[in-house]
């Protein structure tokens, strides 16, 4: 998961909308940058546009949010959730993913996307949202994604050291969680 560092008010014109099949190419291009040039995702081969169209359709049919952020008329980020694990006991838990185009970083896109996904989950059967965030192995510095999730109510619930190796670097995963029904 990759995120921005600023408040949501800095974008000139920022709106969220549900992703459509026609967004697959741009979503794929944004994600491919992270796949090829970072450790933000442990995916090593960019998914095809067709795979993104399928993911958008699957989210819609499952009633789960898959949003795109439109900044000044162009898709500059996306966020979605997937079931956390395939076992039935996890049916009330999802994992979020947020990716922002580099040129939109620092414009509040990540904050708006994560808030939009959380709003889209309220009133559904989903109770827990988990974020699995990559960080350089052994780093004690919070990544922008950790800061973003913490700001929107997630708490760190664990760290798995050096579980990924990508682009010549070992990476930890930081597990963060938000309870959508803390009184329920």
Protein backbone atom coordinates (compact mmCIF):
# COMPACT_ATOMS: atom_id res chain seq x y z
CA UNK A 1 0.00 0.00 0.00
CA UNK A 2 1.33 3.40 -0.90
CA UNK A 3 -0.10 6.65 0.32
CA UNK A 4 0.31 10.38 0.42
CA UNK A 5 1.56 12.68 3.17
CA UNK A 6 -0.76 15.65 3.19
CA UNK A 7 -4.21 16.85 4.12
CA UNK A 8 -7.14 16.29 1.77
CA UNK A 9 -7.55 20.00 1.01
CA UNK A 10 -4.47 20.42 -1.20
CA UNK A 11 -5.79 19.01 -4.49
CA UNK A 12 -7.21 21.51 -6.96
CA UNK A 13 -10.19 19.35 -7.89
CA UNK A 14 -10.46 15.96 -6.22
CA UNK A 15 -13.42 13.61 -6.36
CA UNK A 16 -13.99 9.93 -5.72
CA UNK A 17 -16.15 7.58 -7.72
CA UNK A 18 -16.60 3.83 -8.09
CA UNK A 19 -14.11 2.31 -10.50
CA UNK A 20 -15.41 1.29 -13.91
CA UNK A 21 -14.07 -1.23 -16.40
CA UNK A 22 -12.68 1.67 -18.45
CA UNK A 23 -10.41 2.63 -15.53
CA UNK A 24 -8.52 -0.67 -15.67
CA UNK A 25 -5.71 0.61 -17.89
CA UNK A 26 -4.95 3.64 -15.69
CA UNK A 27 -5.29 1.62 -12.47
CA UNK A 28 -2.90 -0.94 -13.95
CA UNK A 29 -0.40 1.74 -14.94
CA UNK A 30 -0.39 3.28 -11.46
CA UNK A 31 0.04 -0.12 -9.82
CA UNK A 32 2.73 -1.21 -12.29
CA UNK A 33 4.98 1.61 -11.11
CA UNK A 34 4.87 0.23 -7.58
CA UNK A 35 5.34 -3.34 -8.79
CA UNK A 36 8.42 -2.49 -10.84
CA UNK A 37 10.10 0.20 -8.74
CA UNK A 38 9.23 -0.24 -5.06
CA UNK A 39 8.60 -2.65 -2.22
CA UNK A 40 5.14 -1.18 -1.53
CA UNK A 41 3.67 -4.35 -2.99
CA UNK A 42 5.21 -7.80 -3.01
CA UNK A 43 3.67 -8.45 -6.44
CA UNK A 44 6.55 -8.83 -8.92
CA UNK A 45 4.71 -8.93 -12.27
CA UNK A 46 2.14 -6.22 -13.06
CA UNK A 47 -1.37 -7.61 -13.52
CA UNK A 48 -2.91 -7.20 -16.97
CA UNK A 49 -5.63 -4.66 -17.71
CA UNK A 50 -8.03 -7.58 -18.07
CA UNK A 51 -7.17 -8.75 -14.54
CA UNK A 52 -7.95 -5.25 -13.25
CA UNK A 53 -11.29 -5.26 -15.10
CA UNK A 54 -12.08 -8.57 -13.39
CA UNK A 55 -11.10 -7.21 -9.96
CA UNK A 56 -13.30 -4.15 -10.45
CA UNK A 57 -16.23 -6.37 -11.48
CA UNK A 58 -15.62 -8.78 -8.57
CA UNK A 59 -15.62 -5.92 -6.07
CA UNK A 60 -18.87 -4.58 -7.49
CA UNK A 61 -20.58 -7.98 -7.40
CA UNK A 62 -19.38 -8.57 -3.82
CA UNK A 63 -20.66 -5.15 -2.72
CA UNK A 64 -17.15 -4.03 -1.76
CA UNK A 65 -15.73 -0.60 -2.55
CA UNK A 66 -13.27 -0.12 -5.40
CA UNK A 67 -12.78 3.62 -5.80
CA UNK A 68 -10.75 5.85 -8.08
CA UNK A 69 -9.63 9.36 -7.23
CA UNK A 70 -10.07 11.85 -10.03
CA UNK A 71 -7.81 14.89 -9.76
CA UNK A 72 -8.42 17.69 -12.25
CA UNK A 73 -10.21 15.22 -14.54
CA UNK A 74 -7.64 12.38 -14.46
CA UNK A 75 -7.56 9.16 -12.43
CA UNK A 76 -4.62 9.65 -10.07
CA UNK A 77 -5.17 6.89 -7.52
CA UNK A 78 -7.31 3.98 -6.48
CA UNK A 79 -8.31 2.05 -3.39
CA UNK A 80 -10.16 -1.18 -2.89
CA UNK A 81 -10.68 -3.98 -0.42
CA UNK A 82 -10.52 -7.72 -0.82
CA UNK A 83 -11.45 -10.51 1.53
CA UNK A 84 -8.62 -10.87 4.04
CA UNK A 85 -8.30 -14.66 3.75
CA UNK A 86 -10.35 -17.30 1.91
CA UNK A 87 -11.56 -19.19 5.00
CA UNK A 88 -15.20 -18.62 6.02
CA UNK A 89 -14.31 -17.49 9.53
CA UNK A 90 -12.65 -14.37 8.01
CA UNK A 91 -15.84 -13.32 6.19
CA UNK A 92 -16.19 -10.13 8.28
CA UNK A 93 -12.62 -8.98 7.62
CA UNK A 94 -11.16 -7.26 4.55
CA UNK A 95 -7.73 -5.97 3.52
CA UNK A 96 -7.37 -2.52 2.02
CA UNK A 97 -5.06 -1.43 -0.80
CA UNK A 98 -4.35 2.16 -1.82
CA UNK A 99 -2.06 3.36 -4.61
CA UNK A 100 -1.44 6.92 -5.76
CA UNK A 101 0.18 8.12 -8.99
CA UNK A 102 3.55 9.72 -8.15
CA UNK A 103 2.47 13.05 -9.62
CA UNK A 104 -0.51 13.16 -7.22
CA UNK A 105 1.49 12.44 -4.07
CA UNK A 106 1.11 15.03 -1.35
CA UNK A 107 -2.27 16.26 -2.57
CA UNK A 108 -4.54 14.45 -0.09
CA UNK A 109 -5.54 11.70 -2.51
CA UNK A 110 -4.65 8.82 -0.15
CA UNK A 111 -6.56 10.35 2.76
CA UNK A 112 -9.68 10.81 0.68
CA UNK A 113 -9.45 7.32 -0.81
CA UNK A 114 -9.01 5.55 2.53
CA UNK A 115 -11.80 7.60 4.11
CA UNK A 116 -14.02 6.77 1.12
CA UNK A 117 -13.33 3.05 1.40
CA UNK A 118 -14.06 3.07 5.14
CA UNK A 119 -17.29 5.00 4.55
CA UNK A 120 -18.24 2.50 1.86
CA UNK A 121 -17.82 -0.36 4.33
CA UNK A 122 -19.92 1.13 7.11
CA UNK A 123 -23.33 -0.48 7.22
CA UNK A 124 -22.05 -3.68 5.57
CA UNK A 125 -21.25 -6.96 7.27
CA UNK A 126 -17.56 -6.02 7.39
CA UNK A 127 -16.26 -5.48 10.91
CA UNK A 128 -12.47 -5.41 10.57
CA UNK A 129 -10.20 -3.74 8.02
CA UNK A 130 -6.59 -4.88 7.89
CA UNK A 131 -3.72 -3.08 6.20
CA UNK A 132 -0.55 -5.00 5.35
CA UNK A 133 2.09 -2.33 4.78
CA UNK A 134 5.62 -2.92 3.52
CA UNK A 135 8.53 -1.16 5.20
CA UNK A 136 12.28 -1.51 4.80
CA UNK A 137 13.47 -4.32 7.02
CA UNK A 138 14.49 -3.07 10.44
CA UNK A 139 13.44 0.52 9.78
CA UNK A 140 12.02 2.32 12.77
CA UNK A 141 10.60 5.13 10.61
CA UNK A 142 6.91 5.24 9.80
CA UNK A 143 6.12 5.06 6.10
CA UNK A 144 3.55 7.50 4.66
CA UNK A 145 1.11 4.56 4.53
CA UNK A 146 1.53 3.86 8.24
CA UNK A 147 0.99 7.55 9.04
CA UNK A 148 -2.12 7.66 6.83
CA UNK A 149 -3.68 4.57 8.36
CA UNK A 150 -2.94 5.72 11.91
CA UNK A 151 -4.52 9.12 11.16
CA UNK A 152 -7.71 7.37 10.05
CA UNK A 153 -8.02 5.19 13.15
CA UNK A 154 -5.94 2.11 12.41
CA UNK A 155 -3.70 0.72 15.14
CA UNK A 156 -0.55 -1.30 14.65
CA UNK A 157 -1.18 -4.90 15.69
CA UNK A 158 2.02 -6.55 14.55
CA UNK A 159 5.17 -6.54 12.50
CA UNK A 160 6.62 -9.44 10.57
CA UNK A 161 10.34 -8.80 10.08
CA UNK A 162 12.10 -9.54 6.79
CA UNK A 163 9.26 -11.57 5.27
CA UNK A 164 9.70 -10.18 1.76
CA UNK A 165 12.65 -9.75 -0.57
CA UNK A 166 12.19 -7.53 -3.59
CA UNK A 167 14.36 -5.24 -5.68
CA UNK A 168 17.42 -6.29 -3.71
CA UNK A 169 15.93 -5.33 -0.35
CA UNK A 170 14.45 -7.17 2.58
CA UNK A 171 11.08 -5.85 3.69
CA UNK A 172 9.02 -6.10 6.84
CA UNK A 173 5.25 -6.02 6.83
CA UNK A 174 3.47 -3.88 9.37
CA UNK A 175 -0.03 -5.07 10.22
CA UNK A 176 -2.57 -2.41 11.08
CA UNK A 177 -6.25 -2.86 11.86
CA UNK A 178 -9.40 -0.77 12.19
CA UNK A 179 -12.54 -1.98 13.93
CA UNK A 180 -15.55 -0.53 12.12
CA UNK A 181 -17.87 -1.49 14.97
CA UNK A 182 -15.84 -0.92 18.14
CA UNK A 183 -18.99 -0.96 20.29
CA UNK A 184 -20.62 -3.89 18.50
